[in-house]
Amino acid sequence: MQKGFYIIGLSLLLFSCNYFKPEAKPESIARVGDSFLYKEDIKDLVAAGTSKQDSVLIVKSFIDRWATQKLLIEAANLNLNDEKKIEFDNLIRQYKSDLYTKAYIEEIVKTTVDTVISEKELKEYYDNNKENFRTNGTLVQLRYINLPKDHPKFSTIRSKFLDFRKSDKKFWDTYQIQFKNSALNDSVWVELNEVYRKLPFINPDNQGKYIAEGISFEKPDSLNVYLVKIKKTINKNEISPFVYLKPTLQQVILNRRKLELIKKFEKEITDDAIKNNKYEIYK
C-alpha cells in the first residue's frame, strides 16, 4: 500500500515539475519594444550558395526594415487620432472581406463558366458590335524575305515570291531556313510598330513610301536584300477585320459570361438565404 502511494506521489512530483517548467521559446535575434524577431522568421531569407558577406548584408537589411516598420507602426498608433484609426480599421476589414469574396467567386467561376466559344458566336458578336472595334493605327498584311544578294537561287526565289502560290509550299519549306529573316504568312494582320521592328528600313517618316496596298519592292543593303509584298492595308479608325479581332472577341465574350455567372450566383445565394431565414430586412 505504501509502495502504491510512493509511486503515485513520485508521478505527481514529476508531473508537477513538467507542468511548471517554462516552455522553450524560439531564439530571438532582434527586439523592438515587446515585439521579437526570431531565427525561424528568416530561415528561408538567404538563398543557398550565397556568400557569407552577402548573407550578412541581406539579413542585416531585413532586420533593419523589420525594426523600422515596427517603430513606424508604434509611432502611428501613438500619434494618429482615434477617428483616423477607426477609418483605417474599417478599410482593413473591408479589404479582408473583398479578398475572401473575390477568391471564392473566382474559384466558382473557374470551375463553372463555359470557356468554349463557337465561331458562329464570335462572328455574331463581331457583326453586332463592329463599330466599337475601330483601329487605333494602320494594319498591314504582308510577306517578306531577307536573303543574301549572291544566293544561288535568288532569281527563282524572287520569281516564286512575287507569284506566290500554295503549291510552292515544299519549295518554301526547303529554302526558308536559309533566309536571314522572313515571314510568308500574309493572311496575318500586323500593326505598323511590328513592321518597323521586322523591316528596320521602314519608319514613321518614310512609311508612306513603302506601306501601300498591292505594291512589291526590293530593298538592298551592302550584303543582303529584302523582298517585300504589301498585300492589304487598313487605315487608322477603320473597322478592324474579324480575324485580327478574334482573340479580343473571345476574351470579351468570356468576360461577359463571367459577369453574368457572378450576377446569377450572387442572386441565388441571396435568394437561398432569404428562403432559409438566414437573411431578412427589418421594417
C-alpha atoms as a PDB file:
ATOM      1  CA  MET A   1       0.000   0.000   0.000  1.00  0.00           C
ATOM      2  CA  GLN A   2       2.792   2.357   0.941  1.00  0.00           C
ATOM      3  CA  LYS A   3       4.570   1.414  -2.286  1.00  0.00           C
ATOM      4  CA  GLY A   4       1.469   2.436  -4.243  1.00  0.00           C
ATOM      5  CA  PHE A   5       1.311   5.813  -2.500  1.00  0.00           C
ATOM      6  CA  TYR A   6       5.014   6.283  -3.207  1.00  0.00           C
ATOM      7  CA  ILE A   7       4.563   5.629  -6.936  1.00  0.00           C
ATOM      8  CA  ILE A   8       1.580   7.982  -7.137  1.00  0.00           C
ATOM      9  CA  GLY A   9       3.488  10.662  -5.223  1.00  0.00           C
ATOM     10  CA  LEU A  10       6.523  10.326  -7.475  1.00  0.00           C
ATOM     11  CA  SER A  11       4.315  10.574 -10.570  1.00  0.00           C
ATOM     12  CA  LEU A  12       2.649  13.714  -9.243  1.00  0.00           C
ATOM     13  CA  LEU A  13       6.029  15.224  -8.463  1.00  0.00           C
ATOM     14  CA  LEU A  14       7.336  14.549 -11.968  1.00  0.00           C
ATOM     15  CA  PHE A  15       4.105  15.864 -13.488  1.00  0.00           C
ATOM     16  CA  SER A  16       4.332  18.998 -11.367  1.00  0.00           C
ATOM     17  CA  CYS A  17       7.921  19.616 -12.437  1.00  0.00           C
ATOM     18  CA  ASN A  18       6.983  19.313 -16.109  1.00  0.00           C
ATOM     19  CA  TYR A  19       3.886  21.444 -15.645  1.00  0.00           C
ATOM     20  CA  PHE A  20       5.718  24.358 -14.075  1.00  0.00           C
ATOM     21  CA  LYS A  21       8.761  24.078 -16.358  1.00  0.00           C
ATOM     22  CA  PRO A  22       8.738  27.149 -18.629  1.00  0.00           C
ATOM     23  CA  GLU A  23       8.034  26.422 -22.287  1.00  0.00           C
ATOM     24  CA  ALA A  24      11.084  26.711 -24.526  1.00  0.00           C
ATOM     25  CA  LYS A  25      10.957  29.813 -26.704  1.00  0.00           C
ATOM     26  CA  PRO A  26      12.461  30.149 -30.180  1.00  0.00           C
ATOM     27  CA  GLU A  27      15.750  32.012 -30.303  1.00  0.00           C
ATOM     28  CA  SER A  28      15.206  35.711 -30.881  1.00  0.00           C
ATOM     29  CA  ILE A  29      17.583  37.783 -33.000  1.00  0.00           C
ATOM     30  CA  ALA A  30      16.101  41.278 -32.552  1.00  0.00           C
ATOM     31  CA  ARG A  31      13.613  43.185 -30.439  1.00  0.00           C
ATOM     32  CA  VAL A  32      11.593  46.357 -30.814  1.00  0.00           C
ATOM     33  CA  GLY A  33       9.587  47.106 -27.676  1.00  0.00           C
ATOM     34  CA  ASP A  34       7.567  43.968 -26.957  1.00  0.00           C
ATOM     35  CA  SER A  35       7.959  42.571 -30.478  1.00  0.00           C
ATOM     36  CA  PHE A  36      10.599  39.957 -31.246  1.00  0.00           C
ATOM     37  CA  LEU A  37      12.105  38.692 -34.479  1.00  0.00           C
ATOM     38  CA  TYR A  38      13.131  35.021 -34.354  1.00  0.00           C
ATOM     39  CA  LYS A  39      15.562  32.872 -36.285  1.00  0.00           C
ATOM     40  CA  GLU A  40      12.566  30.960 -37.610  1.00  0.00           C
ATOM     41  CA  ASP A  41      11.378  34.148 -39.336  1.00  0.00           C
ATOM     42  CA  ILE A  42      14.483  34.401 -41.533  1.00  0.00           C
ATOM     43  CA  LYS A  43      15.243  30.724 -42.157  1.00  0.00           C
ATOM     44  CA  ASP A  44      14.399  30.968 -45.891  1.00  0.00           C
ATOM     45  CA  LEU A  45      15.660  34.510 -46.401  1.00  0.00           C
ATOM     46  CA  VAL A  46      19.086  33.727 -47.860  1.00  0.00           C
ATOM     47  CA  ALA A  47      19.340  31.535 -50.972  1.00  0.00           C
ATOM     48  CA  ALA A  48      21.635  28.534 -50.942  1.00  0.00           C
ATOM     49  CA  GLY A  49      25.095  29.299 -52.271  1.00  0.00           C
ATOM     50  CA  THR A  50      25.068  32.961 -51.178  1.00  0.00           C
ATOM     51  CA  SER A  51      28.439  34.119 -49.864  1.00  0.00           C
ATOM     52  CA  LYS A  52      28.861  34.790 -46.152  1.00  0.00           C
ATOM     53  CA  GLN A  53      29.407  38.512 -46.769  1.00  0.00           C
ATOM     54  CA  ASP A  54      26.248  38.859 -48.887  1.00  0.00           C
ATOM     55  CA  SER A  55      24.265  36.748 -46.402  1.00  0.00           C
ATOM     56  CA  VAL A  56      25.186  39.110 -43.555  1.00  0.00           C
ATOM     57  CA  LEU A  57      24.124  42.133 -45.648  1.00  0.00           C
ATOM     58  CA  ILE A  58      20.800  40.535 -46.642  1.00  0.00           C
ATOM     59  CA  VAL A  59      19.942  39.560 -43.052  1.00  0.00           C
ATOM     60  CA  LYS A  60      21.010  42.966 -41.655  1.00  0.00           C
ATOM     61  CA  SER A  61      18.911  44.779 -44.265  1.00  0.00           C
ATOM     62  CA  PHE A  62      15.881  42.604 -43.476  1.00  0.00           C
ATOM     63  CA  ILE A  63      16.226  43.197 -39.724  1.00  0.00           C
ATOM     64  CA  ASP A  64      16.573  46.951 -40.234  1.00  0.00           C
ATOM     65  CA  ARG A  65      13.412  47.042 -42.385  1.00  0.00           C
ATOM     66  CA  TRP A  66      11.542  44.951 -39.820  1.00  0.00           C
ATOM     67  CA  ALA A  67      12.619  47.261 -36.979  1.00  0.00           C
ATOM     68  CA  THR A  68      11.779  50.419 -38.939  1.00  0.00           C
ATOM     69  CA  GLN A  69       8.302  49.097 -39.733  1.00  0.00           C
ATOM     70  CA  LYS A  70       7.647  48.195 -36.098  1.00  0.00           C
ATOM     71  CA  LEU A  71       8.823  51.634 -34.932  1.00  0.00           C
ATOM     72  CA  LEU A  72       6.687  53.398 -37.548  1.00  0.00           C
ATOM     73  CA  ILE A  73       3.590  51.401 -36.561  1.00  0.00           C
ATOM     74  CA  GLU A  74       4.238  52.204 -32.905  1.00  0.00           C
ATOM     75  CA  ALA A  75       4.635  55.900 -33.717  1.00  0.00           C
ATOM     76  CA  ALA A  76       1.475  55.823 -35.848  1.00  0.00           C
ATOM     77  CA  ASN A  77      -0.522  54.236 -33.015  1.00  0.00           C
ATOM     78  CA  LEU A  78       0.647  56.966 -30.657  1.00  0.00           C
ATOM     79  CA  ASN A  79       0.165  59.918 -32.980  1.00  0.00           C
ATOM     80  CA  LEU A  80      -2.837  59.143 -35.188  1.00  0.00           C
ATOM     81  CA  ASN A  81      -6.154  60.282 -33.749  1.00  0.00           C
ATOM     82  CA  ASP A  82      -8.867  57.760 -32.905  1.00  0.00           C
ATOM     83  CA  GLU A  83     -11.038  58.836 -35.836  1.00  0.00           C
ATOM     84  CA  LYS A  84      -8.255  58.062 -38.289  1.00  0.00           C
ATOM     85  CA  LYS A  85      -7.513  54.708 -36.676  1.00  0.00           C
ATOM     86  CA  ILE A  86     -11.186  53.696 -36.848  1.00  0.00           C
ATOM     87  CA  GLU A  87     -11.227  54.689 -40.540  1.00  0.00           C
ATOM     88  CA  PHE A  88      -8.173  52.520 -41.273  1.00  0.00           C
ATOM     89  CA  ASP A  89      -9.514  49.585 -39.252  1.00  0.00           C
ATOM     90  CA  ASN A  90     -12.713  49.708 -41.309  1.00  0.00           C
ATOM     91  CA  LEU A  91     -10.671  49.754 -44.521  1.00  0.00           C
ATOM     92  CA  ILE A  92      -8.683  46.716 -43.335  1.00  0.00           C
ATOM     93  CA  ARG A  93     -11.862  44.784 -42.554  1.00  0.00           C
ATOM     94  CA  GLN A  94     -13.333  45.728 -45.930  1.00  0.00           C
ATOM     95  CA  TYR A  95     -10.125  44.709 -47.719  1.00  0.00           C
ATOM     96  CA  LYS A  96     -10.150  41.319 -45.988  1.00  0.00           C
ATOM     97  CA  SER A  97     -13.790  40.838 -46.933  1.00  0.00           C
ATOM     98  CA  ASP A  98     -13.080  41.791 -50.553  1.00  0.00           C
ATOM     99  CA  LEU A  99     -10.115  39.389 -50.748  1.00  0.00           C
ATOM    100  CA  TYR A 100     -12.128  36.454 -49.387  1.00  0.00           C
ATOM    101  CA  THR A 101     -15.177  37.029 -51.581  1.00  0.00           C
ATOM    102  CA  LYS A 102     -13.063  37.702 -54.697  1.00  0.00           C
ATOM    103  CA  ALA A 103     -11.091  34.473 -54.200  1.00  0.00           C
ATOM    104  CA  TYR A 104     -14.273  32.470 -53.591  1.00  0.00           C
ATOM    105  CA  ILE A 105     -16.105  33.886 -56.611  1.00  0.00           C
ATOM    106  CA  GLU A 106     -13.059  33.350 -58.850  1.00  0.00           C
ATOM    107  CA  GLU A 107     -12.978  29.701 -57.804  1.00  0.00           C
ATOM    108  CA  ILE A 108     -16.706  29.334 -58.574  1.00  0.00           C
ATOM    109  CA  VAL A 109     -16.241  30.990 -61.982  1.00  0.00           C
ATOM    110  CA  LYS A 110     -13.167  28.899 -62.830  1.00  0.00           C
ATOM    111  CA  THR A 111     -14.988  25.632 -62.230  1.00  0.00           C
ATOM    112  CA  THR A 112     -18.349  26.650 -63.713  1.00  0.00           C
ATOM    113  CA  VAL A 113     -18.028  29.050 -66.650  1.00  0.00           C
ATOM    114  CA  ASP A 114     -18.190  27.583 -70.147  1.00  0.00           C
ATOM    115  CA  THR A 115     -14.969  28.557 -71.941  1.00  0.00           C
ATOM    116  CA  VAL A 116     -15.904  27.073 -75.325  1.00  0.00           C
ATOM    117  CA  ILE A 117     -16.846  29.829 -77.778  1.00  0.00           C
ATOM    118  CA  SER A 118     -18.031  28.841 -81.237  1.00  0.00           C
ATOM    119  CA  GLU A 119     -17.016  30.590 -84.448  1.00  0.00           C
ATOM    120  CA  LYS A 120     -20.685  31.434 -85.012  1.00  0.00           C
ATOM    121  CA  GLU A 121     -20.969  33.208 -81.674  1.00  0.00           C
ATOM    122  CA  LEU A 122     -17.766  35.142 -82.326  1.00  0.00           C
ATOM    123  CA  LYS A 123     -18.992  36.229 -85.766  1.00  0.00           C
ATOM    124  CA  GLU A 124     -22.413  37.278 -84.449  1.00  0.00           C
ATOM    125  CA  TYR A 125     -20.838  39.352 -81.702  1.00  0.00           C
ATOM    126  CA  TYR A 126     -18.464  40.937 -84.221  1.00  0.00           C
ATOM    127  CA  ASP A 127     -21.273  41.775 -86.673  1.00  0.00           C
ATOM    128  CA  ASN A 128     -23.390  43.330 -83.906  1.00  0.00           C
ATOM    129  CA  ASN A 129     -20.554  45.361 -82.370  1.00  0.00           C
ATOM    130  CA  LYS A 130     -18.040  46.041 -85.161  1.00  0.00           C
ATOM    131  CA  GLU A 131     -18.490  49.821 -84.861  1.00  0.00           C
ATOM    132  CA  ASN A 132     -16.930  49.551 -81.406  1.00  0.00           C
ATOM    133  CA  PHE A 133     -13.786  47.929 -82.803  1.00  0.00           C
ATOM    134  CA  ARG A 134     -12.100  50.582 -84.923  1.00  0.00           C
ATOM    135  CA  THR A 135      -8.345  50.535 -85.476  1.00  0.00           C
ATOM    136  CA  ASN A 136      -6.002  52.733 -83.423  1.00  0.00           C
ATOM    137  CA  GLY A 137      -3.473  52.721 -86.262  1.00  0.00           C
ATOM    138  CA  THR A 138      -2.689  51.180 -89.640  1.00  0.00           C
ATOM    139  CA  LEU A 139      -2.876  47.387 -90.004  1.00  0.00           C
ATOM    140  CA  VAL A 140      -0.921  45.558 -92.692  1.00  0.00           C
ATOM    141  CA  GLN A 141      -0.927  42.145 -94.356  1.00  0.00           C
ATOM    142  CA  LEU A 142       2.473  41.475 -95.927  1.00  0.00           C
ATOM    143  CA  ARG A 143       5.146  38.919 -96.641  1.00  0.00           C
ATOM    144  CA  TYR A 144       8.883  39.475 -96.832  1.00  0.00           C
ATOM    145  CA  ILE A 145      12.246  37.744 -97.199  1.00  0.00           C
ATOM    146  CA  ASN A 146      15.715  38.923 -96.253  1.00  0.00           C
ATOM    147  CA  LEU A 147      18.386  36.905 -98.081  1.00  0.00           C
ATOM    148  CA  PRO A 148      21.949  37.341 -99.393  1.00  0.00           C
ATOM    149  CA  LYS A 149      22.304  39.074-102.757  1.00  0.00           C
ATOM    150  CA  ASP A 150      24.531  36.284-104.015  1.00  0.00           C
ATOM    151  CA  HIS A 151      22.166  33.455-103.076  1.00  0.00           C
ATOM    152  CA  PRO A 152      22.455  30.847-105.875  1.00  0.00           C
ATOM    153  CA  LYS A 153      18.669  30.567-106.191  1.00  0.00           C
ATOM    154  CA  PHE A 154      17.977  34.287-105.921  1.00  0.00           C
ATOM    155  CA  SER A 155      16.146  34.627-109.252  1.00  0.00           C
ATOM    156  CA  THR A 156      13.934  31.598-108.599  1.00  0.00           C
ATOM    157  CA  ILE A 157      13.168  32.760-105.069  1.00  0.00           C
ATOM    158  CA  ARG A 158      12.247  36.256-106.274  1.00  0.00           C
ATOM    159  CA  SER A 159      10.018  34.852-109.026  1.00  0.00           C
ATOM    160  CA  LYS A 160       8.173  32.498-106.702  1.00  0.00           C
ATOM    161  CA  PHE A 161       7.903  35.197-104.010  1.00  0.00           C
ATOM    162  CA  LEU A 162       6.157  37.588-106.398  1.00  0.00           C
ATOM    163  CA  ASP A 163       3.947  34.860-107.887  1.00  0.00           C
ATOM    164  CA  PHE A 164       3.101  33.365-104.527  1.00  0.00           C
ATOM    165  CA  ARG A 165       1.261  30.004-104.716  1.00  0.00           C
ATOM    166  CA  LYS A 166       0.155  27.451-102.159  1.00  0.00           C
ATOM    167  CA  SER A 167       1.515  24.710-104.425  1.00  0.00           C
ATOM    168  CA  ASP A 168       5.048  26.013-103.705  1.00  0.00           C
ATOM    169  CA  LYS A 169       4.875  25.112-100.013  1.00  0.00           C
ATOM    170  CA  LYS A 170       7.528  22.398-100.363  1.00  0.00           C
ATOM    171  CA  PHE A 171       9.857  24.877-102.060  1.00  0.00           C
ATOM    172  CA  TRP A 172       9.486  27.398 -99.205  1.00  0.00           C
ATOM    173  CA  ASP A 173       9.900  24.698 -96.565  1.00  0.00           C
ATOM    174  CA  THR A 174      13.233  23.861 -98.196  1.00  0.00           C
ATOM    175  CA  TYR A 175      14.616  27.365 -98.640  1.00  0.00           C
ATOM    176  CA  GLN A 176      13.086  29.445 -95.841  1.00  0.00           C
ATOM    177  CA  ILE A 177      15.615  28.122 -93.306  1.00  0.00           C
ATOM    178  CA  GLN A 178      18.366  29.684 -95.463  1.00  0.00           C
ATOM    179  CA  PHE A 179      16.943  33.210 -95.184  1.00  0.00           C
ATOM    180  CA  LYS A 180      18.281  35.687 -92.667  1.00  0.00           C
ATOM    181  CA  ASN A 181      14.739  36.698 -91.807  1.00  0.00           C
ATOM    182  CA  SER A 182      11.319  36.060 -93.331  1.00  0.00           C
ATOM    183  CA  ALA A 183       7.553  35.995 -92.882  1.00  0.00           C
ATOM    184  CA  LEU A 184       5.478  34.317 -95.577  1.00  0.00           C
ATOM    185  CA  ASN A 185       2.050  34.094 -93.940  1.00  0.00           C
ATOM    186  CA  ASP A 186       0.422  37.162 -95.451  1.00  0.00           C
ATOM    187  CA  SER A 187      -3.014  36.351 -94.028  1.00  0.00           C
ATOM    188  CA  VAL A 188      -1.939  37.730 -90.628  1.00  0.00           C
ATOM    189  CA  TRP A 189      -2.695  41.375 -89.804  1.00  0.00           C
ATOM    190  CA  VAL A 190       0.120  43.230 -88.049  1.00  0.00           C
ATOM    191  CA  GLU A 191       0.463  46.730 -86.615  1.00  0.00           C
ATOM    192  CA  LEU A 192       2.939  49.232 -88.043  1.00  0.00           C
ATOM    193  CA  ASN A 193       5.172  49.020 -84.965  1.00  0.00           C
ATOM    194  CA  GLU A 194       5.696  45.352 -85.764  1.00  0.00           C
ATOM    195  CA  VAL A 195       6.525  46.250 -89.388  1.00  0.00           C
ATOM    196  CA  TYR A 196       9.107  48.793 -88.190  1.00  0.00           C
ATOM    197  CA  ARG A 197      10.669  46.160 -85.987  1.00  0.00           C
ATOM    198  CA  LYS A 198      10.865  43.471 -88.670  1.00  0.00           C
ATOM    199  CA  LEU A 199      11.783  45.820 -91.550  1.00  0.00           C
ATOM    200  CA  PRO A 200      14.099  48.389 -89.932  1.00  0.00           C
ATOM    201  CA  PHE A 201      14.498  50.475 -93.094  1.00  0.00           C
ATOM    202  CA  ILE A 202      10.814  51.482 -92.722  1.00  0.00           C
ATOM    203  CA  ASN A 203       9.986  54.115 -90.087  1.00  0.00           C
ATOM    204  CA  PRO A 204       7.171  56.595 -89.310  1.00  0.00           C
ATOM    205  CA  ASP A 205       8.784  59.254 -91.508  1.00  0.00           C
ATOM    206  CA  ASN A 206       9.015  57.170 -94.696  1.00  0.00           C
ATOM    207  CA  GLN A 207       6.273  54.582 -94.206  1.00  0.00           C
ATOM    208  CA  GLY A 208       4.083  56.291 -96.810  1.00  0.00           C
ATOM    209  CA  LYS A 209       6.679  55.320 -99.441  1.00  0.00           C
ATOM    210  CA  TYR A 210       6.608  51.606 -98.546  1.00  0.00           C
ATOM    211  CA  ILE A 211       3.215  50.858 -96.978  1.00  0.00           C
ATOM    212  CA  ALA A 212       0.693  50.893 -99.807  1.00  0.00           C
ATOM    213  CA  GLU A 213      -1.762  48.160-100.704  1.00  0.00           C
ATOM    214  CA  GLY A 214      -0.632  45.843-103.517  1.00  0.00           C
ATOM    215  CA  ILE A 215       2.920  47.109-104.016  1.00  0.00           C
ATOM    216  CA  SER A 216       6.049  44.925-104.218  1.00  0.00           C
ATOM    217  CA  PHE A 217       9.628  46.157-103.873  1.00  0.00           C
ATOM    218  CA  GLU A 218      13.240  45.201-103.227  1.00  0.00           C
ATOM    219  CA  LYS A 219      15.387  46.970-100.645  1.00  0.00           C
ATOM    220  CA  PRO A 220      19.097  46.110-100.850  1.00  0.00           C
ATOM    221  CA  ASP A 221      21.884  46.876 -98.398  1.00  0.00           C
ATOM    222  CA  SER A 222      25.593  46.040 -98.583  1.00  0.00           C
ATOM    223  CA  LEU A 223      25.211  42.236 -98.405  1.00  0.00           C
ATOM    224  CA  ASN A 224      21.521  41.362 -98.343  1.00  0.00           C
ATOM    225  CA  VAL A 225      18.272  42.321 -99.978  1.00  0.00           C
ATOM    226  CA  TYR A 226      14.694  42.490 -98.724  1.00  0.00           C
ATOM    227  CA  LEU A 227      11.894  41.255-100.949  1.00  0.00           C
ATOM    228  CA  VAL A 228       8.599  42.709 -99.725  1.00  0.00           C
ATOM    229  CA  LYS A 229       4.984  42.369-100.840  1.00  0.00           C
ATOM    230  CA  ILE A 230       2.285  44.509 -99.202  1.00  0.00           C
ATOM    231  CA  LYS A 231      -0.922  42.553 -99.667  1.00  0.00           C
ATOM    232  CA  LYS A 232      -3.543  44.708 -97.902  1.00  0.00           C
ATOM    233  CA  THR A 233      -3.725  47.695 -95.549  1.00  0.00           C
ATOM    234  CA  ILE A 234      -6.392  49.056 -93.208  1.00  0.00           C
ATOM    235  CA  ASN A 235      -6.044  52.689 -92.155  1.00  0.00           C
ATOM    236  CA  LYS A 236      -6.499  54.202 -88.728  1.00  0.00           C
ATOM    237  CA  ASN A 237     -10.082  54.477 -87.432  1.00  0.00           C
ATOM    238  CA  GLU A 238     -11.422  51.875 -89.856  1.00  0.00           C
ATOM    239  CA  ILE A 239     -13.270  48.782 -88.642  1.00  0.00           C
ATOM    240  CA  SER A 240     -10.798  46.088 -87.565  1.00  0.00           C
ATOM    241  CA  PRO A 241     -11.053  42.799 -89.501  1.00  0.00           C
ATOM    242  CA  PHE A 242     -12.692  39.834 -87.822  1.00  0.00           C
ATOM    243  CA  VAL A 243      -9.630  37.561 -87.982  1.00  0.00           C
ATOM    244  CA  TYR A 244      -7.499  40.235 -86.284  1.00  0.00           C
ATOM    245  CA  LEU A 245     -10.064  40.730 -83.535  1.00  0.00           C
ATOM    246  CA  LYS A 246     -10.760  37.065 -82.776  1.00  0.00           C
ATOM    247  CA  PRO A 247      -8.549  36.816 -79.662  1.00  0.00           C
ATOM    248  CA  THR A 248     -10.053  40.052 -78.317  1.00  0.00           C
ATOM    249  CA  LEU A 249     -13.598  38.921 -79.095  1.00  0.00           C
ATOM    250  CA  GLN A 250     -13.008  35.622 -77.308  1.00  0.00           C
ATOM    251  CA  GLN A 251     -11.829  37.472 -74.198  1.00  0.00           C
ATOM    252  CA  VAL A 252     -14.751  39.935 -74.342  1.00  0.00           C
ATOM    253  CA  ILE A 253     -17.338  37.148 -74.613  1.00  0.00           C
ATOM    254  CA  LEU A 254     -15.631  35.123 -71.877  1.00  0.00           C
ATOM    255  CA  ASN A 255     -15.579  38.138 -69.544  1.00  0.00           C
ATOM    256  CA  ARG A 256     -19.251  38.777 -70.275  1.00  0.00           C
ATOM    257  CA  ARG A 257     -20.071  35.158 -69.389  1.00  0.00           C
ATOM    258  CA  LYS A 258     -18.125  35.508 -66.154  1.00  0.00           C
ATOM    259  CA  LEU A 259     -20.008  38.666 -65.174  1.00  0.00           C
ATOM    260  CA  GLU A 260     -23.357  37.045 -65.956  1.00  0.00           C
ATOM    261  CA  LEU A 261     -22.393  33.986 -63.896  1.00  0.00           C
ATOM    262  CA  ILE A 262     -21.316  36.156 -60.953  1.00  0.00           C
ATOM    263  CA  LYS A 263     -24.592  38.097 -61.017  1.00  0.00           C
ATOM    264  CA  LYS A 264     -26.563  34.849 -61.174  1.00  0.00           C
ATOM    265  CA  PHE A 265     -24.543  33.317 -58.332  1.00  0.00           C
ATOM    266  CA  GLU A 266     -24.940  36.409 -56.126  1.00  0.00           C
ATOM    267  CA  LYS A 267     -28.708  36.411 -56.701  1.00  0.00           C
ATOM    268  CA  GLU A 268     -29.006  32.683 -55.978  1.00  0.00           C
ATOM    269  CA  ILE A 269     -27.010  32.844 -52.748  1.00  0.00           C
ATOM    270  CA  THR A 270     -29.117  35.804 -51.563  1.00  0.00           C
ATOM    271  CA  ASP A 271     -32.414  34.123 -52.530  1.00  0.00           C
ATOM    272  CA  ASP A 272     -31.376  30.923 -50.708  1.00  0.00           C
ATOM    273  CA  ALA A 273     -30.513  32.914 -47.589  1.00  0.00           C
ATOM    274  CA  ILE A 274     -33.946  34.579 -47.631  1.00  0.00           C
ATOM    275  CA  LYS A 275     -35.666  31.229 -48.214  1.00  0.00           C
ATOM    276  CA  ASN A 276     -33.810  29.627 -45.283  1.00  0.00           C
ATOM    277  CA  ASN A 277     -34.353  32.617 -42.971  1.00  0.00           C
ATOM    278  CA  LYS A 278     -30.647  33.408 -42.864  1.00  0.00           C
ATOM    279  CA  TYR A 279     -31.230  36.879 -44.294  1.00  0.00           C
ATOM    280  CA  GLU A 280     -34.062  39.312 -43.621  1.00  0.00           C
ATOM    281  CA  ILE A 281     -34.591  43.061 -43.633  1.00  0.00           C
ATOM    282  CA  TYR A 282     -36.395  44.546 -40.652  1.00  0.00           C
ATOM    283  CA  LYS A 283     -39.037  47.145 -41.444  1.00  0.00           C
END
